[in-house]
Every structure is written in structure tokens, then in C-alpha cells.
Amino acid sequence: MDSMALTETASATTNLRASQTDAAANRLKAAGKNREEVRQAAEEFESIFISQMLGHMLKGVGNGEMFGGGPAEDIYRDLMVDEYGKQISRTGGIGIADTIERQLLALQEVN
């Protein structure tokens, strides 16, 4: 894969992450009175938030010699970070989903 194709792939990954964030925010707004939908939207938002935090944290870590480095490693690292975020959220997360769920349910009771 040449550097132009890797750059396009990295750009596509960034665009995908941005669209996932937008989709999660839209689901939070649109979550109906169904408590399960609210919980799922809150966990998805938390997953994306955690992925973003981990991604920024790992930017400071250099590419490893074991995997050869280069642009391809950056792309796969982004995919790995997304999966880390999903897994952390599924196994209890950092508490953001709980707070978002409570707030959404409280707002629904007011309306």
C-alpha cells in the first residue's frame, strides 16, 4: 500500500470516528422512554469518549519496532483503541454511562 492510500485510509478512519460520535449524540437525543435504548445509547457514548481519551493518550507513545511502525500501524492502532473503548465500556466503564442514563431519564420525567 502506498503512502497516498494509507493517508486516504487514515482520513476515512477519522471521518468514521467523527460520524460515530455524531451518531451516538443523535441516539442520546432520540432515545425514547425505553430504558434499554437509553442505556445502550449512554454506553455507546461512553465507549466513544473512552476511545477518544485513549487515542490521545497513545499519540505520545512511539510506534513499536516489533510491528514495523509506519502509517499502517497508526491505522491499526486507531482500530485497536476503538475496541479498547468498547470493551472498557462493556465491563463497567468509568461511570459516564450511568450519569448520562440518570440525566436522560430525569429529563424524560420532566417532559
PDB file of N, CA and C in Angstrom:
ATOM      1  N   MET A   1       0.852  -1.164   0.000  1.00  0.00           N
ATOM      2  CA  MET A   1       0.000   0.000   0.000  1.00  0.00           C
ATOM      3  C   MET A   1       0.903   1.233   0.000  1.00  0.00           C
ATOM      4  N   ASP A   2       0.648   2.152  -0.909  1.00  0.00           N
ATOM      5  CA  ASP A   2       1.482   3.351  -0.960  1.00  0.00           C
ATOM      6  C   ASP A   2       1.008   4.372   0.067  1.00  0.00           C
ATOM      7  N   SER A   3       1.808   5.412   0.231  1.00  0.00           N
ATOM      8  CA  SER A   3       1.508   6.391   1.281  1.00  0.00           C
ATOM      9  C   SER A   3       0.219   7.155   0.996  1.00  0.00           C
ATOM     10  N   MET A   4      -0.126   7.358  -0.273  1.00  0.00           N
ATOM     11  CA  MET A   4      -1.365   8.051  -0.630  1.00  0.00           C
ATOM     12  C   MET A   4      -2.572   7.234  -0.166  1.00  0.00           C
ATOM     13  N   ALA A   5      -2.538   5.931  -0.385  1.00  0.00           N
ATOM     14  CA  ALA A   5      -3.645   5.061   0.030  1.00  0.00           C
ATOM     15  C   ALA A   5      -3.742   5.010   1.550  1.00  0.00           C
ATOM     16  N   LEU A   6      -2.593   4.986   2.238  1.00  0.00           N
ATOM     17  CA  LEU A   6      -2.606   4.975   3.705  1.00  0.00           C
ATOM     18  C   LEU A   6      -3.175   6.273   4.255  1.00  0.00           C
ATOM     19  N   THR A   7      -2.826   7.383   3.616  1.00  0.00           N
ATOM     20  CA  THR A   7      -3.349   8.680   4.041  1.00  0.00           C
ATOM     21  C   THR A   7      -4.861   8.724   3.867  1.00  0.00           C
ATOM     22  N   GLU A   8      -5.352   8.196   2.737  1.00  0.00           N
ATOM     23  CA  GLU A   8      -6.791   8.158   2.499  1.00  0.00           C
ATOM     24  C   GLU A   8      -7.485   7.261   3.520  1.00  0.00           C
ATOM     25  N   THR A   9      -6.858   6.143   3.857  1.00  0.00           N
ATOM     26  CA  THR A   9      -7.429   5.234   4.843  1.00  0.00           C
ATOM     27  C   THR A   9      -7.473   5.888   6.216  1.00  0.00           C
ATOM     28  N   ALA A  10      -6.409   6.593   6.579  1.00  0.00           N
ATOM     29  CA  ALA A  10      -6.378   7.297   7.867  1.00  0.00           C
ATOM     30  C   ALA A  10      -7.455   8.368   7.912  1.00  0.00           C
ATOM     31  N   SER A  11      -7.634   9.065   6.796  1.00  0.00           N
ATOM     32  CA  SER A  11      -8.671  10.091   6.719  1.00  0.00           C
ATOM     33  C   SER A  11     -10.059   9.468   6.854  1.00  0.00           C
ATOM     34  N   ALA A  12     -10.243   8.322   6.213  1.00  0.00           N
ATOM     35  CA  ALA A  12     -11.530   7.623   6.307  1.00  0.00           C
ATOM     36  C   ALA A  12     -11.792   7.171   7.746  1.00  0.00           C
ATOM     37  N   THR A  13     -10.743   6.718   8.448  1.00  0.00           N
ATOM     38  CA  THR A  13     -10.886   6.294   9.836  1.00  0.00           C
ATOM     39  C   THR A  13     -11.294   7.475  10.708  1.00  0.00           C
ATOM     40  N   THR A  14     -10.681   8.622  10.488  1.00  0.00           N
ATOM     41  CA  THR A  14     -11.022   9.828  11.239  1.00  0.00           C
ATOM     42  C   THR A  14     -12.461  10.243  10.972  1.00  0.00           C
ATOM     43  N   ASN A  15     -12.863  10.201   9.696  1.00  0.00           N
ATOM     44  CA  ASN A  15     -14.239  10.557   9.344  1.00  0.00           C
ATOM     45  C   ASN A  15     -15.234   9.583   9.962  1.00  0.00           C
ATOM     46  N   LEU A  16     -14.881   8.298   9.984  1.00  0.00           N
ATOM     47  CA  LEU A  16     -15.750   7.292  10.588  1.00  0.00           C
ATOM     48  C   LEU A  16     -15.923   7.559  12.075  1.00  0.00           C
ATOM     49  N   ARG A  17     -14.822   7.878  12.747  1.00  0.00           N
ATOM     50  CA  ARG A  17     -14.890   8.157  14.185  1.00  0.00           C
ATOM     51  C   ARG A  17     -15.764   9.378  14.450  1.00  0.00           C
ATOM     52  N   ALA A  18     -15.641  10.407  13.619  1.00  0.00           N
ATOM     53  CA  ALA A  18     -16.463  11.607  13.785  1.00  0.00           C
ATOM     54  C   ALA A  18     -17.937  11.283  13.560  1.00  0.00           C
ATOM     55  N   SER A  19     -18.232  10.462  12.559  1.00  0.00           N
ATOM     56  CA  SER A  19     -19.627  10.111  12.303  1.00  0.00           C
ATOM     57  C   SER A  19     -20.184   9.228  13.413  1.00  0.00           C
ATOM     58  N   GLN A  20     -19.341   8.375  14.023  1.00  0.00           N
ATOM     59  CA  GLN A  20     -19.788   7.560  15.144  1.00  0.00           C
ATOM     60  C   GLN A  20     -20.148   8.441  16.338  1.00  0.00           C
ATOM     61  N   THR A  21     -19.333   9.467  16.579  1.00  0.00           N
ATOM     62  CA  THR A  21     -19.596  10.390  17.675  1.00  0.00           C
ATOM     63  C   THR A  21     -20.911  11.124  17.435  1.00  0.00           C
ATOM     64  N   ASP A  22     -21.117  11.597  16.201  1.00  0.00           N
ATOM     65  CA  ASP A  22     -22.362  12.283  15.869  1.00  0.00           C
ATOM     66  C   ASP A  22     -23.560  11.351  16.018  1.00  0.00           C
ATOM     67  N   ALA A  23     -23.410  10.108  15.557  1.00  0.00           N
ATOM     68  CA  ALA A  23     -24.497   9.141  15.644  1.00  0.00           C
ATOM     69  C   ALA A  23     -24.842   8.841  17.104  1.00  0.00           C
ATOM     70  N   ALA A  24     -23.818   8.709  17.943  1.00  0.00           N
ATOM     71  CA  ALA A  24     -24.062   8.442  19.361  1.00  0.00           C
ATOM     72  C   ALA A  24     -24.784   9.617  20.010  1.00  0.00           C
ATOM     73  N   ALA A  25     -24.377  10.832  19.677  1.00  0.00           N
ATOM     74  CA  ALA A  25     -25.032  12.017  20.232  1.00  0.00           C
ATOM     75  C   ALA A  25     -26.486  12.086  19.771  1.00  0.00           C
ATOM     76  N   ASN A  26     -26.726  11.765  18.509  1.00  0.00           N
ATOM     77  CA  ASN A  26     -28.101  11.769  17.999  1.00  0.00           C
ATOM     78  C   ASN A  26     -28.951  10.704  18.685  1.00  0.00           C
ATOM     79  N   ARG A  27     -28.359   9.529  18.950  1.00  0.00           N
ATOM     80  CA  ARG A  27     -29.097   8.476  19.638  1.00  0.00           C
ATOM     81  C   ARG A  27     -29.422   8.887  21.072  1.00  0.00           C
ATOM     82  N   LEU A  28     -28.481   9.625  21.699  1.00  0.00           N
ATOM     83  CA  LEU A  28     -28.764  10.114  23.057  1.00  0.00           C
ATOM     84  C   LEU A  28     -29.960  11.053  23.045  1.00  0.00           C
ATOM     85  N   LYS A  29     -30.017  11.915  22.036  1.00  0.00           N
ATOM     86  CA  LYS A  29     -31.135  12.860  21.954  1.00  0.00           C
ATOM     87  C   LYS A  29     -32.447  12.145  21.638  1.00  0.00           C
ATOM     88  N   ALA A  30     -32.364  11.137  20.762  1.00  0.00           N
ATOM     89  CA  ALA A  30     -33.577  10.485  20.281  1.00  0.00           C
ATOM     90  C   ALA A  30     -34.028   9.304  21.134  1.00  0.00           C
ATOM     91  N   ALA A  31     -33.239   8.948  22.123  1.00  0.00           N
ATOM     92  CA  ALA A  31     -33.593   7.770  22.929  1.00  0.00           C
ATOM     93  C   ALA A  31     -34.975   7.985  23.540  1.00  0.00           C
ATOM     94  N   GLY A  32     -35.836   7.050  23.261  1.00  0.00           N
ATOM     95  CA  GLY A  32     -37.215   7.160  23.729  1.00  0.00           C
ATOM     96  C   GLY A  32     -37.322   6.838  25.202  1.00  0.00           C
ATOM     97  N   LYS A  33     -38.533   6.572  25.639  1.00  0.00           N
ATOM     98  CA  LYS A  33     -38.754   6.271  27.043  1.00  0.00           C
ATOM     99  C   LYS A  33     -38.337   4.855  27.378  1.00  0.00           C
ATOM    100  N   ASN A  34     -37.912   4.111  26.390  1.00  0.00           N
ATOM    101  CA  ASN A  34     -37.463   2.747  26.619  1.00  0.00           C
ATOM    102  C   ASN A  34     -36.122   2.790  27.353  1.00  0.00           C
ATOM    103  N   ARG A  35     -36.101   2.314  28.566  1.00  0.00           N
ATOM    104  CA  ARG A  35     -34.896   2.375  29.401  1.00  0.00           C
ATOM    105  C   ARG A  35     -33.716   1.644  28.763  1.00  0.00           C
ATOM    106  N   GLU A  36     -34.001   0.560  28.048  1.00  0.00           N
ATOM    107  CA  GLU A  36     -32.933  -0.199  27.388  1.00  0.00           C
ATOM    108  C   GLU A  36     -32.264   0.623  26.288  1.00  0.00           C
ATOM    109  N   GLU A  37     -33.058   1.377  25.526  1.00  0.00           N
ATOM    110  CA  GLU A  37     -32.494   2.244  24.489  1.00  0.00           C
ATOM    111  C   GLU A  37     -31.628   3.333  25.098  1.00  0.00           C
ATOM    112  N   VAL A  38     -32.101   3.900  26.194  1.00  0.00           N
ATOM    113  CA  VAL A  38     -31.343   4.944  26.879  1.00  0.00           C
ATOM    114  C   VAL A  38     -30.010   4.388  27.358  1.00  0.00           C
ATOM    115  N   ARG A  39     -30.031   3.200  27.966  1.00  0.00           N
ATOM    116  CA  ARG A  39     -28.797   2.590  28.476  1.00  0.00           C
ATOM    117  C   ARG A  39     -27.825   2.296  27.346  1.00  0.00           C
ATOM    118  N   GLN A  40     -28.329   1.752  26.238  1.00  0.00           N
ATOM    119  CA  GLN A  40     -27.470   1.416  25.104  1.00  0.00           C
ATOM    120  C   GLN A  40     -26.826   2.675  24.523  1.00  0.00           C
ATOM    121  N   ALA A  41     -27.608   3.739  24.375  1.00  0.00           N
ATOM    122  CA  ALA A  41     -27.066   4.995  23.848  1.00  0.00           C
ATOM    123  C   ALA A  41     -26.020   5.576  24.796  1.00  0.00           C
ATOM    124  N   ALA A  42     -26.266   5.500  26.087  1.00  0.00           N
ATOM    125  CA  ALA A  42     -25.317   6.022  27.076  1.00  0.00           C
ATOM    126  C   ALA A  42     -24.010   5.228  27.049  1.00  0.00           C
ATOM    127  N   GLU A  43     -24.098   3.905  26.934  1.00  0.00           N
ATOM    128  CA  GLU A  43     -22.884   3.077  26.874  1.00  0.00           C
ATOM    129  C   GLU A  43     -22.112   3.315  25.586  1.00  0.00           C
ATOM    130  N   GLU A  44     -22.827   3.521  24.489  1.00  0.00           N
ATOM    131  CA  GLU A  44     -22.149   3.799  23.220  1.00  0.00           C
ATOM    132  C   GLU A  44     -21.404   5.135  23.294  1.00  0.00           C
ATOM    133  N   PHE A  45     -22.043   6.128  23.890  1.00  0.00           N
ATOM    134  CA  PHE A  45     -21.391   7.422  24.051  1.00  0.00           C
ATOM    135  C   PHE A  45     -20.142   7.286  24.921  1.00  0.00           C
ATOM    136  N   GLU A  46     -20.265   6.546  26.024  1.00  0.00           N
ATOM    137  CA  GLU A  46     -19.122   6.341  26.907  1.00  0.00           C
ATOM    138  C   GLU A  46     -17.989   5.625  26.175  1.00  0.00           C
ATOM    139  N   SER A  47     -18.319   4.640  25.373  1.00  0.00           N
ATOM    140  CA  SER A  47     -17.329   3.896  24.603  1.00  0.00           C
ATOM    141  C   SER A  47     -16.537   4.820  23.684  1.00  0.00           C
ATOM    142  N   ILE A  48     -17.246   5.693  22.993  1.00  0.00           N
ATOM    143  CA  ILE A  48     -16.581   6.623  22.078  1.00  0.00           C
ATOM    144  C   ILE A  48     -15.732   7.624  22.862  1.00  0.00           C
ATOM    145  N   PHE A  49     -16.234   8.095  23.988  1.00  0.00           N
ATOM    146  CA  PHE A  49     -15.477   9.026  24.828  1.00  0.00           C
ATOM    147  C   PHE A  49     -14.178   8.387  25.316  1.00  0.00           C
ATOM    148  N   ILE A  50     -14.275   7.146  25.790  1.00  0.00           N
ATOM    149  CA  ILE A  50     -13.083   6.444  26.273  1.00  0.00           C
ATOM    150  C   ILE A  50     -12.093   6.233  25.133  1.00  0.00           C
ATOM    151  N   SER A  51     -12.594   5.870  23.958  1.00  0.00           N
ATOM    152  CA  SER A  51     -11.712   5.681  22.796  1.00  0.00           C
ATOM    153  C   SER A  51     -10.963   6.965  22.461  1.00  0.00           C
ATOM    154  N   GLN A  52     -11.664   8.082  22.524  1.00  0.00           N
ATOM    155  CA  GLN A  52     -11.018   9.362  22.243  1.00  0.00           C
ATOM    156  C   GLN A  52      -9.917   9.658  23.264  1.00  0.00           C
ATOM    157  N   MET A  53     -10.209   9.412  24.539  1.00  0.00           N
ATOM    158  CA  MET A  53      -9.202   9.646  25.581  1.00  0.00           C
ATOM    159  C   MET A  53      -7.985   8.746  25.378  1.00  0.00           C
ATOM    160  N   LEU A  54      -8.221   7.463  25.128  1.00  0.00           N
ATOM    161  CA  LEU A  54      -7.113   6.533  24.914  1.00  0.00           C
ATOM    162  C   LEU A  54      -6.317   6.899  23.673  1.00  0.00           C
ATOM    163  N   GLY A  55      -7.014   7.311  22.622  1.00  0.00           N
ATOM    164  CA  GLY A  55      -6.330   7.698  21.387  1.00  0.00           C
ATOM    165  C   GLY A  55      -5.364   8.847  21.614  1.00  0.00           C
ATOM    166  N   HIS A  56      -5.814   9.857  22.352  1.00  0.00           N
ATOM    167  CA  HIS A  56      -4.937  10.998  22.639  1.00  0.00           C
ATOM    168  C   HIS A  56      -3.776  10.575  23.543  1.00  0.00           C
ATOM    169  N   MET A  57      -4.067   9.694  24.475  1.00  0.00           N
ATOM    170  CA  MET A  57      -3.019   9.215  25.384  1.00  0.00           C
ATOM    171  C   MET A  57      -1.943   8.449  24.603  1.00  0.00           C
ATOM    172  N   LEU A  58      -2.364   7.615  23.663  1.00  0.00           N
ATOM    173  CA  LEU A  58      -1.409   6.781  22.927  1.00  0.00           C
ATOM    174  C   LEU A  58      -0.684   7.527  21.810  1.00  0.00           C
ATOM    175  N   LYS A  59      -1.110   8.741  21.484  1.00  0.00           N
ATOM    176  CA  LYS A  59      -0.394   9.523  20.459  1.00  0.00           C
ATOM    177  C   LYS A  59       1.045   9.800  20.896  1.00  0.00           C
ATOM    178  N   GLY A  60       1.252   9.903  22.199  1.00  0.00           N
ATOM    179  CA  GLY A  60       2.585  10.179  22.719  1.00  0.00           C
ATOM    180  C   GLY A  60       3.490   8.962  22.759  1.00  0.00           C
ATOM    181  N   VAL A  61       2.917   7.792  22.538  1.00  0.00           N
ATOM    182  CA  VAL A  61       3.706   6.563  22.555  1.00  0.00           C
ATOM    183  C   VAL A  61       4.187   6.299  21.139  1.00  0.00           C
ATOM    184  N   GLY A  62       5.458   6.109  20.976  1.00  0.00           N
ATOM    185  CA  GLY A  62       6.014   5.879  19.644  1.00  0.00           C
ATOM    186  C   GLY A  62       5.581   4.545  19.065  1.00  0.00           C
ATOM    187  N   ASN A  63       5.783   4.409  17.768  1.00  0.00           N
ATOM    188  CA  ASN A  63       5.488   3.135  17.111  1.00  0.00           C
ATOM    189  C   ASN A  63       6.512   2.110  17.544  1.00  0.00           C
ATOM    190  N   GLY A  64       6.052   0.897  17.736  1.00  0.00           N
ATOM    191  CA  GLY A  64       6.936  -0.153  18.209  1.00  0.00           C
ATOM    192  C   GLY A  64       7.749  -0.787  17.097  1.00  0.00           C
ATOM    193  N   GLU A  65       8.959  -1.165  17.414  1.00  0.00           N
ATOM    194  CA  GLU A  65       9.809  -1.837  16.430  1.00  0.00           C
ATOM    195  C   GLU A  65       9.277  -3.227  16.109  1.00  0.00           C
ATOM    196  N   MET A  66       8.562  -3.819  17.065  1.00  0.00           N
ATOM    197  CA  MET A  66       8.060  -5.165  16.862  1.00  0.00           C
ATOM    198  C   MET A  66       7.118  -5.242  15.656  1.00  0.00           C
ATOM    199  N   PHE A  67       6.326  -4.180  15.444  1.00  0.00           N
ATOM    200  CA  PHE A  67       5.337  -4.190  14.369  1.00  0.00           C
ATOM    201  C   PHE A  67       5.768  -3.383  13.157  1.00  0.00           C
ATOM    202  N   GLY A  68       6.944  -2.853  13.164  1.00  0.00           N
ATOM    203  CA  GLY A  68       7.484  -2.185  11.993  1.00  0.00           C
ATOM    204  C   GLY A  68       7.189  -0.710  11.873  1.00  0.00           C
ATOM    205  N   GLY A  69       6.295  -0.181  12.684  1.00  0.00           N
ATOM    206  CA  GLY A  69       5.986   1.243  12.634  1.00  0.00           C
ATOM    207  C   GLY A  69       5.307   1.633  11.335  1.00  0.00           C
ATOM    208  N   GLY A  70       5.348   2.902  11.017  1.00  0.00           N
ATOM    209  CA  GLY A  70       4.783   3.396   9.773  1.00  0.00           C
ATOM    210  C   GLY A  70       3.314   3.762   9.886  1.00  0.00           C
ATOM    211  N   PRO A  71       2.772   4.292   8.790  1.00  0.00           N
ATOM    212  CA  PRO A  71       1.378   4.746   8.787  1.00  0.00           C
ATOM    213  C   PRO A  71       0.370   3.622   9.025  1.00  0.00           C
ATOM    214  N   ALA A  72       0.662   2.433   8.553  1.00  0.00           N
ATOM    215  CA  ALA A  72      -0.278   1.321   8.742  1.00  0.00           C
ATOM    216  C   ALA A  72      -0.455   1.004  10.221  1.00  0.00           C
ATOM    217  N   GLU A  73       0.611   1.106  10.984  1.00  0.00           N
ATOM    218  CA  GLU A  73       0.500   0.838  12.421  1.00  0.00           C
ATOM    219  C   GLU A  73      -0.412   1.860  13.082  1.00  0.00           C
ATOM    220  N   ASP A  74      -0.346   3.114  12.624  1.00  0.00           N
ATOM    221  CA  ASP A  74      -1.217   4.150  13.169  1.00  0.00           C
ATOM    222  C   ASP A  74      -2.688   3.815  12.921  1.00  0.00           C
ATOM    223  N   ILE A  75      -2.984   3.326  11.730  1.00  0.00           N
ATOM    224  CA  ILE A  75      -4.362   2.985  11.388  1.00  0.00           C
ATOM    225  C   ILE A  75      -4.860   1.850  12.266  1.00  0.00           C
ATOM    226  N   TYR A  76      -4.058   0.804  12.380  1.00  0.00           N
ATOM    227  CA  TYR A  76      -4.481  -0.332  13.183  1.00  0.00           C
ATOM    228  C   TYR A  76      -4.529   0.006  14.671  1.00  0.00           C
ATOM    229  N   ARG A  77      -3.693   0.946  15.089  1.00  0.00           N
ATOM    230  CA  ARG A  77      -3.745   1.382  16.483  1.00  0.00           C
ATOM    231  C   ARG A  77      -5.087   2.060  16.752  1.00  0.00           C
ATOM    232  N   ASP A  78      -5.555   2.878  15.808  1.00  0.00           N
ATOM    233  CA  ASP A  78      -6.854   3.517  15.964  1.00  0.00           C
ATOM    234  C   ASP A  78      -7.966   2.486  16.101  1.00  0.00           C
ATOM    235  N   LEU A  79      -7.916   1.452  15.288  1.00  0.00           N
ATOM    236  CA  LEU A  79      -8.925   0.394  15.373  1.00  0.00           C
ATOM    237  C   LEU A  79      -8.851  -0.323  16.717  1.00  0.00           C
ATOM    238  N   MET A  80      -7.642  -0.565  17.187  1.00  0.00           N
ATOM    239  CA  MET A  80      -7.448  -1.226  18.470  1.00  0.00           C
ATOM    240  C   MET A  80      -7.991  -0.356  19.611  1.00  0.00           C
ATOM    241  N   VAL A  81      -7.719   0.937  19.547  1.00  0.00           N
ATOM    242  CA  VAL A  81      -8.189   1.862  20.577  1.00  0.00           C
ATOM    243  C   VAL A  81      -9.721   1.889  20.613  1.00  0.00           C
ATOM    244  N   ASP A  82     -10.367   1.850  19.447  1.00  0.00           N
ATOM    245  CA  ASP A  82     -11.827   1.796  19.411  1.00  0.00           C
ATOM    246  C   ASP A  82     -12.346   0.551  20.122  1.00  0.00           C
ATOM    247  N   GLU A  83     -11.704  -0.571  19.879  1.00  0.00           N
ATOM    248  CA  GLU A  83     -12.119  -1.818  20.534  1.00  0.00           C
ATOM    249  C   GLU A  83     -11.857  -1.773  22.036  1.00  0.00           C
ATOM    250  N   TYR A  84     -10.741  -1.159  22.448  1.00  0.00           N
ATOM    251  CA  TYR A  84     -10.482  -0.983  23.877  1.00  0.00           C
ATOM    252  C   TYR A  84     -11.604  -0.181  24.530  1.00  0.00           C
ATOM    253  N   GLY A  85     -12.012   0.904  23.871  1.00  0.00           N
ATOM    254  CA  GLY A  85     -13.086   1.743  24.400  1.00  0.00           C
ATOM    255  C   GLY A  85     -14.381   0.966  24.555  1.00  0.00           C
ATOM    256  N   LYS A  86     -14.718   0.153  23.555  1.00  0.00           N
ATOM    257  CA  LYS A  86     -15.937  -0.652  23.631  1.00  0.00           C
ATOM    258  C   LYS A  86     -15.860  -1.654  24.782  1.00  0.00           C
ATOM    259  N   GLN A  87     -14.707  -2.291  24.910  1.00  0.00           N
ATOM    260  CA  GLN A  87     -14.550  -3.310  25.951  1.00  0.00           C
ATOM    261  C   GLN A  87     -14.582  -2.690  27.352  1.00  0.00           C
ATOM    262  N   ILE A  88     -13.928  -1.559  27.521  1.00  0.00           N
ATOM    263  CA  ILE A  88     -13.939  -0.890  28.826  1.00  0.00           C
ATOM    264  C   ILE A  88     -15.360  -0.487  29.190  1.00  0.00           C
ATOM    265  N   SER A  89     -16.097   0.039  28.224  1.00  0.00           N
ATOM    266  CA  SER A  89     -17.473   0.442  28.475  1.00  0.00           C
ATOM    267  C   SER A  89     -18.347  -0.759  28.824  1.00  0.00           C
ATOM    268  N   ARG A  90     -18.161  -1.877  28.124  1.00  0.00           N
ATOM    269  CA  ARG A  90     -18.953  -3.090  28.379  1.00  0.00           C
ATOM    270  C   ARG A  90     -18.703  -3.676  29.760  1.00  0.00           C
ATOM    271  N   THR A  91     -17.500  -3.478  30.279  1.00  0.00           N
ATOM    272  CA  THR A  91     -17.135  -4.097  31.558  1.00  0.00           C
ATOM    273  C   THR A  91     -17.235  -3.126  32.730  1.00  0.00           C
ATOM    274  N   GLY A  92     -18.086  -2.137  32.608  1.00  0.00           N
ATOM    275  CA  GLY A  92     -18.308  -1.235  33.731  1.00  0.00           C
ATOM    276  C   GLY A  92     -17.930   0.198  33.436  1.00  0.00           C
ATOM    277  N   GLY A  93     -17.025   0.409  32.504  1.00  0.00           N
ATOM    278  CA  GLY A  93     -16.656   1.759  32.097  1.00  0.00           C
ATOM    279  C   GLY A  93     -16.081   2.609  33.207  1.00  0.00           C
ATOM    280  N   ILE A  94     -16.265   3.906  33.055  1.00  0.00           N
ATOM    281  CA  ILE A  94     -15.727   4.856  34.028  1.00  0.00           C
ATOM    282  C   ILE A  94     -16.835   5.659  34.699  1.00  0.00           C
ATOM    283  N   GLY A  95     -18.084   5.245  34.482  1.00  0.00           N
ATOM    284  CA  GLY A  95     -19.206   5.873  35.163  1.00  0.00           C
ATOM    285  C   GLY A  95     -19.963   6.908  34.366  1.00  0.00           C
ATOM    286  N   ILE A  96     -19.491   7.236  33.188  1.00  0.00           N
ATOM    287  CA  ILE A  96     -20.171   8.251  32.383  1.00  0.00           C
ATOM    288  C   ILE A  96     -21.543   7.752  31.932  1.00  0.00           C
ATOM    289  N   ALA A  97     -21.614   6.492  31.523  1.00  0.00           N
ATOM    290  CA  ALA A  97     -22.889   5.941  31.039  1.00  0.00           C
ATOM    291  C   ALA A  97     -23.952   6.001  32.127  1.00  0.00           C
ATOM    292  N   ASP A  98     -23.581   5.710  33.358  1.00  0.00           N
ATOM    293  CA  ASP A  98     -24.537   5.752  34.467  1.00  0.00           C
ATOM    294  C   ASP A  98     -25.087   7.164  34.659  1.00  0.00           C
ATOM    295  N   THR A  99     -24.193   8.140  34.611  1.00  0.00           N
ATOM    296  CA  THR A  99     -24.596   9.534  34.801  1.00  0.00           C
ATOM    297  C   THR A  99     -25.487  10.001  33.654  1.00  0.00           C
ATOM    298  N   ILE A 100     -25.096   9.673  32.416  1.00  0.00           N
ATOM    299  CA  ILE A 100     -25.897  10.068  31.261  1.00  0.00           C
ATOM    300  C   ILE A 100     -27.275   9.421  31.327  1.00  0.00           C
ATOM    301  N   GLU A 101     -27.323   8.145  31.672  1.00  0.00           N
ATOM    302  CA  GLU A 101     -28.598   7.441  31.770  1.00  0.00           C
ATOM    303  C   GLU A 101     -29.510   8.110  32.801  1.00  0.00           C
ATOM    304  N   ARG A 102     -28.966   8.418  33.970  1.00  0.00           N
ATOM    305  CA  ARG A 102     -29.769   9.069  35.018  1.00  0.00           C
ATOM    306  C   ARG A 102     -30.315  10.414  34.531  1.00  0.00           C
ATOM    307  N   GLN A 103     -29.448  11.189  33.895  1.00  0.00           N
ATOM    308  CA  GLN A 103     -29.866  12.511  33.435  1.00  0.00           C
ATOM    309  C   GLN A 103     -30.939  12.418  32.352  1.00  0.00           C
ATOM    310  N   LEU A 104     -30.775  11.504  31.404  1.00  0.00           N
ATOM    311  CA  LEU A 104     -31.772  11.349  30.355  1.00  0.00           C
ATOM    312  C   LEU A 104     -33.117  10.910  30.910  1.00  0.00           C
ATOM    313  N   LEU A 105     -33.088   9.979  31.844  1.00  0.00           N
ATOM    314  CA  LEU A 105     -34.333   9.516  32.447  1.00  0.00           C
ATOM    315  C   LEU A 105     -34.998  10.625  33.264  1.00  0.00           C
ATOM    316  N   ALA A 106     -34.195  11.427  33.959  1.00  0.00           N
ATOM    317  CA  ALA A 106     -34.743  12.550  34.718  1.00  0.00           C
ATOM    318  C   ALA A 106     -35.366  13.586  33.794  1.00  0.00           C
ATOM    319  N   LEU A 107     -34.710  13.840  32.663  1.00  0.00           N
ATOM    320  CA  LEU A 107     -35.265  14.799  31.693  1.00  0.00           C
ATOM    321  C   LEU A 107     -36.571  14.289  31.100  1.00  0.00           C
ATOM    322  N   GLN A 108     -36.679  12.990  30.906  1.00  0.00           N
ATOM    323  CA  GLN A 108     -37.903  12.430  30.347  1.00  0.00           C
ATOM    324  C   GLN A 108     -39.050  12.543  31.350  1.00  0.00           C
ATOM    325  N   GLU A 109     -38.762  12.445  32.627  1.00  0.00           N
ATOM    326  CA  GLU A 109     -39.802  12.566  33.640  1.00  0.00           C
ATOM    327  C   GLU A 109     -40.349  13.991  33.705  1.00  0.00           C
ATOM    328  N   VAL A 110     -39.487  14.967  33.463  1.00  0.00           N
ATOM    329  CA  VAL A 110     -39.899  16.376  33.481  1.00  0.00           C
ATOM    330  C   VAL A 110     -40.820  16.667  32.317  1.00  0.00           C
ATOM    331  N   ASN A 111     -40.473  16.100  31.161  1.00  0.00           N
ATOM    332  CA  ASN A 111     -41.269  16.368  29.954  1.00  0.00           C
ATOM    333  C   ASN A 111     -42.457  15.518  29.976  1.00  0.00           C
TER     334      ASN A 111
END
